[in-house]
Amino acid sequence: MLSAEFLAQFYGTLMALAILVYAILDGYDLGVGILLPTKNKQQADTMIASIGPFWDANETWLVLAVGLALIAFPLAHSVILQALYLPVAIMLLGLILRGVAFDFRAKAKTKYRDAWDVSFKVGSIITAFSQGFMLGLYVMSFDTSAQSYTFAVLSGIGVVSAYGLIGSAWLVMKTNGDIYHQSLVWCRRFNAVSLIGVIAVSMVNPLINDFVAQKWFGTELSILLLPIPFACIALFIFQDRVLANLLSCQEKEGSWRPFAISTLIFLLCFLGLVYSFFPYVVPNELTIYESLADPSALTFMFFGVVLVVPAIIGYTVFSYRVFWGKTQELTYY
């Protein structure tokens, strides 16, 4: 049987990986949904076509993350779900609305099609905001004060903006023509708002969590890790320069750069968040070691996970390889 310490670290790392990949992959298609025009059928079709082959599979990573939390850390899962029951339910409603609207917009009569585009857009905003709201409450250690809920609301707006950033960067990479130029404008605006949000969270987190402040400013690793927030800010500034250069020229060479930079920003933000709270899975309450399920059961699952997760990664990479390049015209047969 594998040791409890190894299993806690293994499943904790895997759950963190699933959340990160979900935030990036489903983040951009939620961002495309947030940006979806409701009065321009041709642009809406092109934007939907850019995420069509991927959006459903991207949500696999959310299912994996929640499943790992339930199976590997059941005590933490119950505490988190109890604290976040309402926003989780609202997020699920948003995901359902997105799924229904995505399929029905292709089958509905012309007079109803705009309504399903609006539904897809609204579902995307609800989902993104709910995730940001939950993140804000998590950072605030599930405190129920007015200040915590205010911060959670601002966090929800921040995540909508972050998804808008990576979604517009995806459109810059995948589209041409008017949408391409409009996406550059969107991306630059969301880049500025997201920068403000990252700075705000970086300042608030150590102030409200003493153990976070201690990890960032009171250990030997502080000198090595403090450059992470500054590197993230530098990436935002670099992103703005890249977008300005793309806007000022007609050539699309390097249109992949905004998405690559956005991905790096997501990665650095997530690494900072993980470092801030590790080894807590419930802030100030439960660590991954305290909430771990029975090691014998997790040892048995370990061998299945080692086979399944690489398969998920494999088909994800394969699908992106097959559908790489600029988006083609959307058609239904």
C-alpha atoms as a PDB file:
ATOM      1  CA  MET A   1       0.000   0.000   0.000  1.00  0.00           C
ATOM      2  CA  LEU A   2       1.278   3.470  -0.876  1.00  0.00           C
ATOM      3  CA  SER A   3       1.948   5.899   1.965  1.00  0.00           C
ATOM      4  CA  ALA A   4      -0.736   8.377   3.000  1.00  0.00           C
ATOM      5  CA  GLU A   5       1.668  11.298   2.513  1.00  0.00           C
ATOM      6  CA  PHE A   6       2.452  10.283  -1.067  1.00  0.00           C
ATOM      7  CA  LEU A   7      -1.218   9.731  -1.892  1.00  0.00           C
ATOM      8  CA  ALA A   8      -2.220  13.118  -0.464  1.00  0.00           C
ATOM      9  CA  GLN A   9       0.440  14.875  -2.529  1.00  0.00           C
ATOM     10  CA  PHE A  10      -0.313  12.848  -5.660  1.00  0.00           C
ATOM     11  CA  TYR A  11      -4.078  13.406  -5.633  1.00  0.00           C
ATOM     12  CA  GLY A  12      -3.651  17.013  -4.508  1.00  0.00           C
ATOM     13  CA  THR A  13      -1.286  17.702  -7.411  1.00  0.00           C
ATOM     14  CA  LEU A  14      -3.582  15.961  -9.868  1.00  0.00           C
ATOM     15  CA  MET A  15      -6.604  17.910  -8.645  1.00  0.00           C
ATOM     16  CA  ALA A  16      -4.657  21.176  -8.954  1.00  0.00           C
ATOM     17  CA  LEU A  17      -3.605  20.220 -12.491  1.00  0.00           C
ATOM     18  CA  ALA A  18      -7.214  19.474 -13.453  1.00  0.00           C
ATOM     19  CA  ILE A  19      -8.380  22.861 -12.108  1.00  0.00           C
ATOM     20  CA  LEU A  20      -5.596  24.699 -13.954  1.00  0.00           C
ATOM     21  CA  VAL A  21      -6.257  22.968 -17.282  1.00  0.00           C
ATOM     22  CA  TYR A  22      -9.991  23.556 -16.874  1.00  0.00           C
ATOM     23  CA  ALA A  23      -9.467  27.259 -16.144  1.00  0.00           C
ATOM     24  CA  ILE A  24      -7.418  27.647 -19.324  1.00  0.00           C
ATOM     25  CA  LEU A  25      -9.366  25.427 -21.712  1.00  0.00           C
ATOM     26  CA  ASP A  26     -12.918  26.053 -20.558  1.00  0.00           C
ATOM     27  CA  GLY A  27     -11.883  29.600 -19.704  1.00  0.00           C
ATOM     28  CA  TYR A  28     -11.356  30.553 -23.330  1.00  0.00           C
ATOM     29  CA  ASP A  29     -14.606  28.986 -24.562  1.00  0.00           C
ATOM     30  CA  LEU A  30     -16.507  30.652 -21.709  1.00  0.00           C
ATOM     31  CA  GLY A  31     -14.777  33.859 -22.794  1.00  0.00           C
ATOM     32  CA  VAL A  32     -15.947  33.362 -26.378  1.00  0.00           C
ATOM     33  CA  GLY A  33     -19.475  32.865 -25.043  1.00  0.00           C
ATOM     34  CA  ILE A  34     -19.215  36.061 -23.006  1.00  0.00           C
ATOM     35  CA  LEU A  35     -18.164  37.973 -26.133  1.00  0.00           C
ATOM     36  CA  LEU A  36     -20.706  36.338 -28.458  1.00  0.00           C
ATOM     37  CA  PRO A  37     -22.637  38.963 -30.499  1.00  0.00           C
ATOM     38  CA  THR A  38     -26.407  38.558 -30.400  1.00  0.00           C
ATOM     39  CA  LYS A  39     -27.273  40.602 -33.497  1.00  0.00           C
ATOM     40  CA  ASN A  40     -24.619  39.451 -35.984  1.00  0.00           C
ATOM     41  CA  LYS A  41     -25.289  35.907 -37.177  1.00  0.00           C
ATOM     42  CA  GLN A  42     -22.162  35.591 -39.315  1.00  0.00           C
ATOM     43  CA  GLN A  43     -19.791  36.661 -36.537  1.00  0.00           C
ATOM     44  CA  ALA A  44     -21.615  34.508 -33.997  1.00  0.00           C
ATOM     45  CA  ASP A  45     -21.313  31.472 -36.282  1.00  0.00           C
ATOM     46  CA  THR A  46     -17.584  32.043 -36.745  1.00  0.00           C
ATOM     47  CA  MET A  47     -17.002  32.424 -33.012  1.00  0.00           C
ATOM     48  CA  ILE A  48     -19.022  29.292 -32.248  1.00  0.00           C
ATOM     49  CA  ALA A  49     -17.092  27.395 -34.936  1.00  0.00           C
ATOM     50  CA  SER A  50     -13.805  28.353 -33.243  1.00  0.00           C
ATOM     51  CA  ILE A  51     -14.790  26.482 -30.061  1.00  0.00           C
ATOM     52  CA  GLY A  52     -17.119  23.864 -31.559  1.00  0.00           C
ATOM     53  CA  PRO A  53     -14.693  20.904 -31.621  1.00  0.00           C
ATOM     54  CA  PHE A  54     -13.379  21.557 -28.106  1.00  0.00           C
ATOM     55  CA  TRP A  55     -15.866  23.148 -25.713  1.00  0.00           C
ATOM     56  CA  ASP A  56     -17.655  20.009 -24.515  1.00  0.00           C
ATOM     57  CA  ALA A  57     -14.425  18.065 -23.924  1.00  0.00           C
ATOM     58  CA  ASN A  58     -12.937  21.000 -22.013  1.00  0.00           C
ATOM     59  CA  GLU A  59     -15.486  20.474 -19.238  1.00  0.00           C
ATOM     60  CA  THR A  60     -14.054  16.991 -18.679  1.00  0.00           C
ATOM     61  CA  TRP A  61     -11.378  18.629 -16.543  1.00  0.00           C
ATOM     62  CA  LEU A  62     -13.994  20.146 -14.225  1.00  0.00           C
ATOM     63  CA  VAL A  63     -15.591  16.737 -13.770  1.00  0.00           C
ATOM     64  CA  LEU A  64     -12.161  15.255 -13.042  1.00  0.00           C
ATOM     65  CA  ALA A  65     -11.320  17.931 -10.458  1.00  0.00           C
ATOM     66  CA  VAL A  66     -14.645  17.566  -8.628  1.00  0.00           C
ATOM     67  CA  GLY A  67     -14.425  13.767  -8.785  1.00  0.00           C
ATOM     68  CA  LEU A  68     -10.929  13.783  -7.294  1.00  0.00           C
ATOM     69  CA  ALA A  69     -12.054  16.099  -4.502  1.00  0.00           C
ATOM     70  CA  LEU A  70     -14.989  13.816  -3.699  1.00  0.00           C
ATOM     71  CA  ILE A  71     -13.016  10.564  -3.775  1.00  0.00           C
ATOM     72  CA  ALA A  72      -9.614  11.595  -2.427  1.00  0.00           C
ATOM     73  CA  PHE A  73     -10.612  14.368  -0.007  1.00  0.00           C
ATOM     74  CA  PRO A  74     -14.241  13.623   0.973  1.00  0.00           C
ATOM     75  CA  LEU A  75     -14.176  15.622   4.219  1.00  0.00           C
ATOM     76  CA  ALA A  76     -12.899  18.732   2.442  1.00  0.00           C
ATOM     77  CA  HIS A  77     -15.398  18.163  -0.389  1.00  0.00           C
ATOM     78  CA  SER A  78     -18.313  18.173   2.058  1.00  0.00           C
ATOM     79  CA  VAL A  79     -17.091  21.339   3.806  1.00  0.00           C
ATOM     80  CA  ILE A  80     -16.535  23.201   0.513  1.00  0.00           C
ATOM     81  CA  LEU A  81     -19.845  22.075  -0.978  1.00  0.00           C
ATOM     82  CA  GLN A  82     -21.720  23.113   2.147  1.00  0.00           C
ATOM     83  CA  ALA A  83     -20.127  26.571   1.998  1.00  0.00           C
ATOM     84  CA  LEU A  84     -20.627  26.981  -1.758  1.00  0.00           C
ATOM     85  CA  TYR A  85     -23.882  25.100  -2.343  1.00  0.00           C
ATOM     86  CA  LEU A  86     -25.825  28.035  -3.838  1.00  0.00           C
ATOM     87  CA  PRO A  87     -23.113  29.365  -6.225  1.00  0.00           C
ATOM     88  CA  VAL A  88     -22.361  25.776  -7.321  1.00  0.00           C
ATOM     89  CA  ALA A  89     -26.046  25.274  -8.159  1.00  0.00           C
ATOM     90  CA  ILE A  90     -26.113  28.553 -10.094  1.00  0.00           C
ATOM     91  CA  MET A  91     -22.933  27.559 -11.962  1.00  0.00           C
ATOM     92  CA  LEU A  92     -24.517  24.260 -12.957  1.00  0.00           C
ATOM     93  CA  LEU A  93     -27.588  26.105 -14.249  1.00  0.00           C
ATOM     94  CA  GLY A  94     -25.276  28.275 -16.335  1.00  0.00           C
ATOM     95  CA  LEU A  95     -23.499  25.220 -17.746  1.00  0.00           C
ATOM     96  CA  ILE A  96     -26.829  23.571 -18.581  1.00  0.00           C
ATOM     97  CA  LEU A  97     -28.064  26.731 -20.293  1.00  0.00           C
ATOM     98  CA  ARG A  98     -24.854  26.880 -22.335  1.00  0.00           C
ATOM     99  CA  GLY A  99     -25.142  23.252 -23.401  1.00  0.00           C
ATOM    100  CA  VAL A 100     -28.786  23.520 -24.424  1.00  0.00           C
ATOM    101  CA  ALA A 101     -28.247  26.815 -26.256  1.00  0.00           C
ATOM    102  CA  PHE A 102     -25.191  25.511 -28.122  1.00  0.00           C
ATOM    103  CA  ASP A 103     -27.170  22.651 -29.642  1.00  0.00           C
ATOM    104  CA  PHE A 104     -30.500  24.420 -30.136  1.00  0.00           C
ATOM    105  CA  ARG A 105     -29.019  27.422 -31.957  1.00  0.00           C
ATOM    106  CA  ALA A 106     -28.142  25.018 -34.791  1.00  0.00           C
ATOM    107  CA  LYS A 107     -31.627  23.498 -34.912  1.00  0.00           C
ATOM    108  CA  ALA A 108     -33.951  26.373 -34.040  1.00  0.00           C
ATOM    109  CA  LYS A 109     -35.987  28.250 -36.616  1.00  0.00           C
ATOM    110  CA  THR A 110     -34.529  31.574 -37.694  1.00  0.00           C
ATOM    111  CA  LYS A 111     -36.789  33.696 -35.485  1.00  0.00           C
ATOM    112  CA  TYR A 112     -35.643  31.819 -32.352  1.00  0.00           C
ATOM    113  CA  ARG A 113     -31.955  31.624 -33.166  1.00  0.00           C
ATOM    114  CA  ASP A 114     -31.057  35.007 -31.678  1.00  0.00           C
ATOM    115  CA  ALA A 115     -32.722  33.941 -28.429  1.00  0.00           C
ATOM    116  CA  TRP A 116     -30.450  30.900 -28.160  1.00  0.00           C
ATOM    117  CA  ASP A 117     -27.390  33.049 -28.854  1.00  0.00           C
ATOM    118  CA  VAL A 118     -28.474  35.298 -25.982  1.00  0.00           C
ATOM    119  CA  SER A 119     -28.961  32.190 -23.822  1.00  0.00           C
ATOM    120  CA  PHE A 120     -25.457  30.955 -24.642  1.00  0.00           C
ATOM    121  CA  LYS A 121     -24.022  34.361 -23.752  1.00  0.00           C
ATOM    122  CA  VAL A 122     -25.988  34.601 -20.489  1.00  0.00           C
ATOM    123  CA  GLY A 123     -25.077  31.036 -19.528  1.00  0.00           C
ATOM    124  CA  SER A 124     -21.396  31.815 -20.100  1.00  0.00           C
ATOM    125  CA  ILE A 125     -21.545  34.951 -17.932  1.00  0.00           C
ATOM    126  CA  ILE A 126     -23.412  33.127 -15.151  1.00  0.00           C
ATOM    127  CA  THR A 127     -20.904  30.268 -15.157  1.00  0.00           C
ATOM    128  CA  ALA A 128     -17.851  32.530 -15.164  1.00  0.00           C
ATOM    129  CA  PHE A 129     -19.222  34.838 -12.473  1.00  0.00           C
ATOM    130  CA  SER A 130     -20.210  31.903 -10.250  1.00  0.00           C
ATOM    131  CA  GLN A 131     -16.719  30.455 -10.477  1.00  0.00           C
ATOM    132  CA  GLY A 132     -15.180  33.815  -9.590  1.00  0.00           C
ATOM    133  CA  PHE A 133     -17.625  34.263  -6.709  1.00  0.00           C
ATOM    134  CA  MET A 134     -16.642  30.855  -5.332  1.00  0.00           C
ATOM    135  CA  LEU A 135     -12.955  31.688  -5.701  1.00  0.00           C
ATOM    136  CA  GLY A 136     -13.495  34.914  -3.769  1.00  0.00           C
ATOM    137  CA  LEU A 137     -15.242  33.118  -0.908  1.00  0.00           C
ATOM    138  CA  TYR A 138     -12.462  30.509  -0.894  1.00  0.00           C
ATOM    139  CA  VAL A 139      -9.782  33.211  -0.594  1.00  0.00           C
ATOM    140  CA  MET A 140     -11.818  34.768   2.244  1.00  0.00           C
ATOM    141  CA  SER A 141     -11.852  31.367   4.019  1.00  0.00           C
ATOM    142  CA  PHE A 142     -15.648  31.084   3.504  1.00  0.00           C
ATOM    143  CA  ASP A 143     -16.303  34.014   5.826  1.00  0.00           C
ATOM    144  CA  THR A 144     -19.936  35.171   5.712  1.00  0.00           C
ATOM    145  CA  SER A 145     -19.412  38.869   6.431  1.00  0.00           C
ATOM    146  CA  ALA A 146     -20.539  41.648   4.092  1.00  0.00           C
ATOM    147  CA  GLN A 147     -16.902  42.397   3.261  1.00  0.00           C
ATOM    148  CA  SER A 148     -16.346  38.794   2.163  1.00  0.00           C
ATOM    149  CA  TYR A 149     -19.376  38.790  -0.108  1.00  0.00           C
ATOM    150  CA  THR A 150     -18.334  42.144  -1.568  1.00  0.00           C
ATOM    151  CA  PHE A 151     -14.893  40.728  -2.310  1.00  0.00           C
ATOM    152  CA  ALA A 152     -16.503  37.595  -3.801  1.00  0.00           C
ATOM    153  CA  VAL A 153     -18.646  39.737  -6.122  1.00  0.00           C
ATOM    154  CA  LEU A 154     -15.565  41.666  -7.252  1.00  0.00           C
ATOM    155  CA  SER A 155     -13.752  38.349  -7.711  1.00  0.00           C
ATOM    156  CA  GLY A 156     -16.641  37.155  -9.879  1.00  0.00           C
ATOM    157  CA  ILE A 157     -16.295  40.237 -12.078  1.00  0.00           C
ATOM    158  CA  GLY A 158     -12.538  39.621 -12.197  1.00  0.00           C
ATOM    159  CA  VAL A 159     -12.940  36.039 -13.410  1.00  0.00           C
ATOM    160  CA  VAL A 160     -15.442  37.154 -16.079  1.00  0.00           C
ATOM    161  CA  SER A 161     -12.790  39.625 -17.216  1.00  0.00           C
ATOM    162  CA  ALA A 162     -10.029  36.983 -17.110  1.00  0.00           C
ATOM    163  CA  TYR A 163     -12.115  34.602 -19.217  1.00  0.00           C
ATOM    164  CA  GLY A 164     -12.875  37.485 -21.556  1.00  0.00           C
ATOM    165  CA  LEU A 165      -9.119  38.049 -21.857  1.00  0.00           C
ATOM    166  CA  ILE A 166      -8.220  34.479 -22.776  1.00  0.00           C
ATOM    167  CA  GLY A 167     -11.385  34.104 -24.892  1.00  0.00           C
ATOM    168  CA  SER A 168     -10.570  37.173 -26.980  1.00  0.00           C
ATOM    169  CA  ALA A 169      -6.939  36.003 -27.237  1.00  0.00           C
ATOM    170  CA  TRP A 170      -8.268  32.692 -28.578  1.00  0.00           C
ATOM    171  CA  LEU A 171     -10.295  34.567 -31.200  1.00  0.00           C
ATOM    172  CA  VAL A 172      -7.225  36.585 -32.204  1.00  0.00           C
ATOM    173  CA  MET A 173      -5.443  33.294 -32.821  1.00  0.00           C
ATOM    174  CA  LYS A 174      -8.324  31.522 -34.574  1.00  0.00           C
ATOM    175  CA  THR A 175     -10.147  34.122 -36.678  1.00  0.00           C
ATOM    176  CA  ASN A 176      -9.676  36.599 -39.515  1.00  0.00           C
ATOM    177  CA  GLY A 177     -11.271  39.793 -40.751  1.00  0.00           C
ATOM    178  CA  ASP A 178     -13.526  41.972 -38.628  1.00  0.00           C
ATOM    179  CA  ILE A 179     -13.689  39.511 -35.739  1.00  0.00           C
ATOM    180  CA  TYR A 180      -9.895  39.379 -35.593  1.00  0.00           C
ATOM    181  CA  HIS A 181      -9.600  43.169 -35.281  1.00  0.00           C
ATOM    182  CA  GLN A 182     -12.500  43.416 -32.832  1.00  0.00           C
ATOM    183  CA  SER A 183     -10.936  40.654 -30.728  1.00  0.00           C
ATOM    184  CA  LEU A 184      -7.687  42.625 -30.489  1.00  0.00           C
ATOM    185  CA  VAL A 185      -9.642  45.550 -29.056  1.00  0.00           C
ATOM    186  CA  TRP A 186     -11.530  43.292 -26.630  1.00  0.00           C
ATOM    187  CA  CYS A 187      -8.328  41.592 -25.555  1.00  0.00           C
ATOM    188  CA  ARG A 188      -6.593  44.873 -24.784  1.00  0.00           C
ATOM    189  CA  ARG A 189      -9.512  46.080 -22.661  1.00  0.00           C
ATOM    190  CA  PHE A 190      -9.843  42.850 -20.725  1.00  0.00           C
ATOM    191  CA  ASN A 191      -6.079  42.810 -20.248  1.00  0.00           C
ATOM    192  CA  ALA A 192      -6.241  46.140 -18.399  1.00  0.00           C
ATOM    193  CA  VAL A 193      -9.181  45.087 -16.191  1.00  0.00           C
ATOM    194  CA  SER A 194      -7.584  41.707 -15.392  1.00  0.00           C
ATOM    195  CA  LEU A 195      -4.348  43.441 -14.380  1.00  0.00           C
ATOM    196  CA  ILE A 196      -6.249  45.522 -11.823  1.00  0.00           C
ATOM    197  CA  GLY A 197      -7.942  42.371 -10.514  1.00  0.00           C
ATOM    198  CA  VAL A 198      -4.678  40.448 -10.104  1.00  0.00           C
ATOM    199  CA  ILE A 199      -3.067  43.360  -8.236  1.00  0.00           C
ATOM    200  CA  ALA A 200      -6.102  43.635  -5.933  1.00  0.00           C
ATOM    201  CA  VAL A 201      -6.121  39.905  -5.082  1.00  0.00           C
ATOM    202  CA  SER A 202      -2.349  39.905  -4.543  1.00  0.00           C
ATOM    203  CA  MET A 203      -2.744  42.717  -2.012  1.00  0.00           C
ATOM    204  CA  VAL A 204      -5.848  41.421  -0.224  1.00  0.00           C
ATOM    205  CA  ASN A 205      -4.862  37.760   0.138  1.00  0.00           C
ATOM    206  CA  PRO A 206      -1.902  38.277   2.545  1.00  0.00           C
ATOM    207  CA  LEU A 207      -3.865  40.878   4.521  1.00  0.00           C
ATOM    208  CA  ILE A 208      -6.761  38.565   5.363  1.00  0.00           C
ATOM    209  CA  ASN A 209      -4.839  35.299   5.772  1.00  0.00           C
ATOM    210  CA  ASP A 210      -1.952  35.377   8.235  1.00  0.00           C
ATOM    211  CA  PHE A 211      -0.565  32.034   7.062  1.00  0.00           C
ATOM    212  CA  VAL A 212      -0.477  33.355   3.475  1.00  0.00           C
ATOM    213  CA  ALA A 213       1.462  36.439   4.575  1.00  0.00           C
ATOM    214  CA  GLN A 214       3.872  34.230   6.484  1.00  0.00           C
ATOM    215  CA  LYS A 215       4.516  32.046   3.431  1.00  0.00           C
ATOM    216  CA  TRP A 216       5.144  34.985   1.113  1.00  0.00           C
ATOM    217  CA  PHE A 217       7.127  37.236   3.445  1.00  0.00           C
ATOM    218  CA  GLY A 218       8.402  35.132   6.329  1.00  0.00           C
ATOM    219  CA  THR A 219      10.239  32.145   4.844  1.00  0.00           C
ATOM    220  CA  GLU A 220      13.538  31.503   3.113  1.00  0.00           C
ATOM    221  CA  LEU A 221      11.672  30.904  -0.152  1.00  0.00           C
ATOM    222  CA  SER A 222      10.188  34.414  -0.110  1.00  0.00           C
ATOM    223  CA  ILE A 223      13.078  35.958  -2.025  1.00  0.00           C
ATOM    224  CA  LEU A 224      12.732  33.325  -4.752  1.00  0.00           C
ATOM    225  CA  LEU A 225       8.938  33.483  -4.976  1.00  0.00           C
ATOM    226  CA  LEU A 226       8.249  37.205  -4.635  1.00  0.00           C
ATOM    227  CA  PRO A 227       9.224  37.782  -8.312  1.00  0.00           C
ATOM    228  CA  ILE A 228       6.142  35.744  -9.379  1.00  0.00           C
ATOM    229  CA  PRO A 229       3.623  38.615  -8.926  1.00  0.00           C
ATOM    230  CA  PHE A 230       5.980  41.051 -10.639  1.00  0.00           C
ATOM    231  CA  ALA A 231       6.530  38.605 -13.517  1.00  0.00           C
ATOM    232  CA  CYS A 232       2.753  38.344 -13.874  1.00  0.00           C
ATOM    233  CA  ILE A 233       2.392  42.138 -14.016  1.00  0.00           C
ATOM    234  CA  ALA A 234       5.241  42.285 -16.568  1.00  0.00           C
ATOM    235  CA  LEU A 235       3.340  39.784 -18.732  1.00  0.00           C
ATOM    236  CA  PHE A 236       0.239  42.004 -18.666  1.00  0.00           C
ATOM    237  CA  ILE A 237       2.333  44.953 -19.819  1.00  0.00           C
ATOM    238  CA  PHE A 238       4.007  42.853 -22.505  1.00  0.00           C
ATOM    239  CA  GLN A 239       0.588  41.604 -23.605  1.00  0.00           C
ATOM    240  CA  ASP A 240      -0.581  45.178 -24.082  1.00  0.00           C
ATOM    241  CA  ARG A 241       2.441  45.960 -26.262  1.00  0.00           C
ATOM    242  CA  VAL A 242       1.914  42.833 -28.374  1.00  0.00           C
ATOM    243  CA  LEU A 243      -1.748  43.707 -28.906  1.00  0.00           C
ATOM    244  CA  ALA A 244      -0.882  47.302 -29.786  1.00  0.00           C
ATOM    245  CA  ASN A 245       1.599  46.077 -32.406  1.00  0.00           C
ATOM    246  CA  LEU A 246      -0.942  43.678 -33.902  1.00  0.00           C
ATOM    247  CA  LEU A 247      -3.519  46.475 -34.061  1.00  0.00           C
ATOM    248  CA  SER A 248      -1.119  48.808 -35.819  1.00  0.00           C
ATOM    249  CA  CYS A 249      -0.199  46.400 -38.622  1.00  0.00           C
ATOM    250  CA  GLN A 250      -2.204  44.413 -41.145  1.00  0.00           C
ATOM    251  CA  GLU A 251      -0.197  41.199 -40.886  1.00  0.00           C
ATOM    252  CA  LYS A 252      -1.411  38.425 -38.600  1.00  0.00           C
ATOM    253  CA  GLU A 253       1.973  36.846 -38.001  1.00  0.00           C
ATOM    254  CA  GLY A 254       2.321  36.184 -34.295  1.00  0.00           C
ATOM    255  CA  SER A 255      -1.439  36.114 -33.677  1.00  0.00           C
ATOM    256  CA  TRP A 256      -0.827  33.145 -31.354  1.00  0.00           C
ATOM    257  CA  ARG A 257       1.158  35.283 -28.928  1.00  0.00           C
ATOM    258  CA  PRO A 258      -1.757  36.844 -26.988  1.00  0.00           C
ATOM    259  CA  PHE A 259      -3.168  33.398 -26.206  1.00  0.00           C
ATOM    260  CA  ALA A 260       0.270  32.090 -25.173  1.00  0.00           C
ATOM    261  CA  ILE A 261       0.826  35.102 -22.914  1.00  0.00           C
ATOM    262  CA  SER A 262      -2.665  34.760 -21.415  1.00  0.00           C
ATOM    263  CA  THR A 263      -1.955  31.096 -20.673  1.00  0.00           C
ATOM    264  CA  LEU A 264       1.279  32.050 -18.899  1.00  0.00           C
ATOM    265  CA  ILE A 265      -0.608  34.642 -16.858  1.00  0.00           C
ATOM    266  CA  PHE A 266      -3.159  32.015 -15.816  1.00  0.00           C
ATOM    267  CA  LEU A 267      -0.324  29.646 -14.919  1.00  0.00           C
ATOM    268  CA  LEU A 268       1.531  32.178 -12.753  1.00  0.00           C
ATOM    269  CA  CYS A 269      -1.655  33.284 -10.980  1.00  0.00           C
ATOM    270  CA  PHE A 270      -2.590  29.683 -10.272  1.00  0.00           C
ATOM    271  CA  LEU A 271       0.889  28.800  -9.007  1.00  0.00           C
ATOM    272  CA  GLY A 272       0.760  31.781  -6.675  1.00  0.00           C
ATOM    273  CA  LEU A 273      -2.658  30.725  -5.388  1.00  0.00           C
ATOM    274  CA  VAL A 274      -1.575  27.105  -4.836  1.00  0.00           C
ATOM    275  CA  TYR A 275       1.584  28.172  -3.019  1.00  0.00           C
ATOM    276  CA  SER A 276      -0.439  30.563  -0.851  1.00  0.00           C
ATOM    277  CA  PHE A 277      -2.771  27.877   0.483  1.00  0.00           C
ATOM    278  CA  PHE A 278      -0.731  24.652   0.331  1.00  0.00           C
ATOM    279  CA  PRO A 279      -1.161  22.280   2.133  1.00  0.00           C
ATOM    280  CA  TYR A 280      -4.655  23.557   3.018  1.00  0.00           C
ATOM    281  CA  VAL A 281      -7.498  22.353   0.859  1.00  0.00           C
ATOM    282  CA  VAL A 282      -9.969  24.219   3.097  1.00  0.00           C
ATOM    283  CA  PRO A 283      -8.250  27.482   4.147  1.00  0.00           C
ATOM    284  CA  ASN A 284      -7.367  27.656   7.856  1.00  0.00           C
ATOM    285  CA  GLU A 285      -9.255  24.417   8.504  1.00  0.00           C
ATOM    286  CA  LEU A 286      -8.251  21.226   6.651  1.00  0.00           C
ATOM    287  CA  THR A 287      -5.047  20.162   4.927  1.00  0.00           C
ATOM    288  CA  ILE A 288      -4.769  17.549   2.194  1.00  0.00           C
ATOM    289  CA  TYR A 289      -3.302  15.173   4.789  1.00  0.00           C
ATOM    290  CA  GLU A 290      -6.131  15.638   7.314  1.00  0.00           C
ATOM    291  CA  SER A 291      -8.929  15.238   4.768  1.00  0.00           C
ATOM    292  CA  LEU A 292      -7.447  12.272   2.873  1.00  0.00           C
ATOM    293  CA  ALA A 293      -9.686   9.250   2.319  1.00  0.00           C
ATOM    294  CA  ASP A 294      -8.696   5.681   3.210  1.00  0.00           C
ATOM    295  CA  PRO A 295      -5.182   5.059   1.779  1.00  0.00           C
ATOM    296  CA  SER A 296      -5.966   1.452   0.816  1.00  0.00           C
ATOM    297  CA  ALA A 297      -8.869   2.541  -1.422  1.00  0.00           C
ATOM    298  CA  LEU A 298      -6.810   5.356  -2.933  1.00  0.00           C
ATOM    299  CA  THR A 299      -3.953   2.934  -3.608  1.00  0.00           C
ATOM    300  CA  PHE A 300      -6.344   0.737  -5.577  1.00  0.00           C
ATOM    301  CA  MET A 301      -7.578   3.792  -7.517  1.00  0.00           C
ATOM    302  CA  PHE A 302      -4.040   4.980  -8.151  1.00  0.00           C
ATOM    303  CA  PHE A 303      -3.389   2.432 -10.889  1.00  0.00           C
ATOM    304  CA  GLY A 304      -6.611   3.313 -12.695  1.00  0.00           C
ATOM    305  CA  VAL A 305      -5.852   7.031 -12.493  1.00  0.00           C
ATOM    306  CA  VAL A 306      -2.382   6.444 -13.943  1.00  0.00           C
ATOM    307  CA  LEU A 307      -4.067   4.939 -17.023  1.00  0.00           C
ATOM    308  CA  VAL A 308      -7.079   7.240 -17.380  1.00  0.00           C
ATOM    309  CA  VAL A 309      -5.482  10.672 -16.955  1.00  0.00           C
ATOM    310  CA  PRO A 310      -2.839  10.167 -19.704  1.00  0.00           C
ATOM    311  CA  ALA A 311      -5.682   9.016 -21.981  1.00  0.00           C
ATOM    312  CA  ILE A 312      -7.600  12.260 -21.279  1.00  0.00           C
ATOM    313  CA  ILE A 313      -4.449  14.283 -21.961  1.00  0.00           C
ATOM    314  CA  GLY A 314      -3.824  12.284 -25.137  1.00  0.00           C
ATOM    315  CA  TYR A 315      -7.230  12.831 -26.734  1.00  0.00           C
ATOM    316  CA  THR A 316      -7.158  16.496 -25.694  1.00  0.00           C
ATOM    317  CA  VAL A 317      -3.815  17.035 -27.438  1.00  0.00           C
ATOM    318  CA  PHE A 318      -4.983  15.033 -30.470  1.00  0.00           C
ATOM    319  CA  SER A 319      -8.186  17.058 -30.857  1.00  0.00           C
ATOM    320  CA  TYR A 320      -6.291  20.347 -30.767  1.00  0.00           C
ATOM    321  CA  ARG A 321      -3.777  18.994 -33.255  1.00  0.00           C
ATOM    322  CA  VAL A 322      -6.510  17.953 -35.687  1.00  0.00           C
ATOM    323  CA  PHE A 323      -8.418  21.237 -35.518  1.00  0.00           C
ATOM    324  CA  TRP A 324      -5.399  23.561 -35.368  1.00  0.00           C
ATOM    325  CA  GLY A 325      -5.298  26.672 -37.555  1.00  0.00           C
ATOM    326  CA  LYS A 326      -7.743  29.423 -38.437  1.00  0.00           C
ATOM    327  CA  THR A 327     -11.448  28.728 -38.106  1.00  0.00           C
ATOM    328  CA  GLN A 328     -13.379  27.776 -41.216  1.00  0.00           C
ATOM    329  CA  GLU A 329     -16.939  28.786 -42.049  1.00  0.00           C
ATOM    330  CA  LEU A 330     -19.539  27.116 -39.846  1.00  0.00           C
ATOM    331  CA  THR A 331     -21.942  24.811 -41.739  1.00  0.00           C
ATOM    332  CA  TYR A 332     -24.612  22.336 -40.610  1.00  0.00           C
ATOM    333  CA  TYR A 333     -25.499  19.245 -42.575  1.00  0.00           C
END
